[in-house]
C-alpha atoms as a PDB file:
ATOM      1  CA  UNK A   1      -4.232  20.918  -1.562  1.00  0.00           C
ATOM      2  CA  UNK A   2      -5.473  18.335   1.232  1.00  0.00           C
ATOM      3  CA  UNK A   3      -6.391  15.683  -1.154  1.00  0.00           C
ATOM      4  CA  UNK A   4      -3.370  15.888  -2.840  1.00  0.00           C
ATOM      5  CA  UNK A   5      -1.280  15.680   0.461  1.00  0.00           C
ATOM      6  CA  UNK A   6      -3.738  12.630   1.600  1.00  0.00           C
ATOM      7  CA  UNK A   7      -3.096  10.830  -1.789  1.00  0.00           C
ATOM      8  CA  UNK A   8       0.797  11.260  -1.717  1.00  0.00           C
ATOM      9  CA  UNK A   9       0.600  10.069   1.894  1.00  0.00           C
ATOM     10  CA  UNK A  10      -1.412   6.977   0.796  1.00  0.00           C
ATOM     11  CA  UNK A  11       0.901   6.230  -2.163  1.00  0.00           C
ATOM     12  CA  UNK A  12       3.642   6.448   0.060  1.00  0.00           C
ATOM     13  CA  UNK A  13       2.252   4.041   2.798  1.00  0.00           C
ATOM     14  CA  UNK A  14       1.284   1.658   0.164  1.00  0.00           C
ATOM     15  CA  UNK A  15       5.115   1.803  -1.195  1.00  0.00           C
ATOM     16  CA  UNK A  16       6.065   1.262   2.533  1.00  0.00           C
ATOM     17  CA  UNK A  17       3.880  -1.607   2.830  1.00  0.00           C
ATOM     18  CA  UNK A  18       5.463  -3.187  -0.361  1.00  0.00           C
ATOM     19  CA  UNK A  19       8.924  -2.652   1.065  1.00  0.00           C
ATOM     20  CA  UNK A  20       8.118  -4.155   4.570  1.00  0.00           C
ATOM     21  CA  UNK A  21       6.635  -7.180   3.218  1.00  0.00           C
ATOM     22  CA  UNK A  22       9.337  -8.374   0.535  1.00  0.00           C
ATOM     23  CA  UNK A  23      11.417 -11.517   1.209  1.00  0.00           C
ATOM     24  CA  UNK A  24      14.695 -10.820   2.615  1.00  0.00           C
ATOM     25  CA  UNK A  25      17.550 -13.235   2.306  1.00  0.00           C
ATOM     26  CA  UNK A  26      14.915 -15.714   0.723  1.00  0.00           C
ATOM     27  CA  UNK A  27      12.993 -15.714   3.865  1.00  0.00           C
ATOM     28  CA  UNK A  28       9.148 -14.789   3.472  1.00  0.00           C
ATOM     29  CA  UNK A  29       7.565 -12.308   6.159  1.00  0.00           C
ATOM     30  CA  UNK A  30       5.691 -14.434   8.643  1.00  0.00           C
ATOM     31  CA  UNK A  31       2.469 -12.401   8.236  1.00  0.00           C
ATOM     32  CA  UNK A  32       2.496 -13.243   4.548  1.00  0.00           C
ATOM     33  CA  UNK A  33       2.383 -16.951   5.547  1.00  0.00           C
ATOM     34  CA  UNK A  34      -0.749 -16.919   7.286  1.00  0.00           C
ATOM     35  CA  UNK A  35      -3.563 -18.287   5.457  1.00  0.00           C
ATOM     36  CA  UNK A  36      -6.043 -15.091   5.630  1.00  0.00           C
ATOM     37  CA  UNK A  37      -3.623 -12.639   5.854  1.00  0.00           C
ATOM     38  CA  UNK A  38      -1.873 -12.968   2.846  1.00  0.00           C
ATOM     39  CA  UNK A  39      -4.757 -12.157   0.601  1.00  0.00           C
ATOM     40  CA  UNK A  40      -5.509  -9.289   3.001  1.00  0.00           C
ATOM     41  CA  UNK A  41      -2.274  -7.533   2.827  1.00  0.00           C
ATOM     42  CA  UNK A  42      -2.364  -7.469  -0.994  1.00  0.00           C
ATOM     43  CA  UNK A  43      -5.826  -6.152  -0.907  1.00  0.00           C
ATOM     44  CA  UNK A  44      -5.031  -3.573   1.529  1.00  0.00           C
ATOM     45  CA  UNK A  45      -1.863  -2.387  -0.351  1.00  0.00           C
ATOM     46  CA  UNK A  46      -3.581  -2.056  -3.784  1.00  0.00           C
ATOM     47  CA  UNK A  47      -6.315  -0.250  -2.282  1.00  0.00           C
ATOM     48  CA  UNK A  48      -4.242   2.450  -0.401  1.00  0.00           C
ATOM     49  CA  UNK A  49      -2.489   2.702  -3.832  1.00  0.00           C
ATOM     50  CA  UNK A  50      -5.707   3.175  -5.912  1.00  0.00           C
ATOM     51  CA  UNK A  51      -7.324   5.605  -3.327  1.00  0.00           C
ATOM     52  CA  UNK A  52      -4.080   7.479  -2.975  1.00  0.00           C
ATOM     53  CA  UNK A  53      -3.990   7.876  -6.853  1.00  0.00           C
ATOM     54  CA  UNK A  54      -7.548   9.136  -7.007  1.00  0.00           C
ATOM     55  CA  UNK A  55      -7.110  11.513  -4.425  1.00  0.00           C
ATOM     56  CA  UNK A  56      -4.069  13.016  -6.333  1.00  0.00           C
ATOM     57  CA  UNK A  57      -5.946  13.192  -9.445  1.00  0.00           C
ATOM     58  CA  UNK A  58      -8.950  15.012  -7.848  1.00  0.00           C
ATOM     59  CA  UNK A  59      -6.739  17.474  -6.041  1.00  0.00           C
ATOM     60  CA  UNK A  60      -5.274  18.061  -9.389  1.00  0.00           C
ATOM     61  CA  UNK A  61      -8.503  18.648 -11.224  1.00  0.00           C
END
């Protein structure tokens, strides 16, 4: 049960991260324009999503 809840939180955090870093009014978020952070943000969001899905699947099985 705890892994299902943790997985749902991780998937929710990744979705919130995607929503937070999306361009608004044609202006890109300032952190996304930094040389190192642009790739790191994507890696963190994808990692949270994949770990969340894995936790949900492990909690169901």
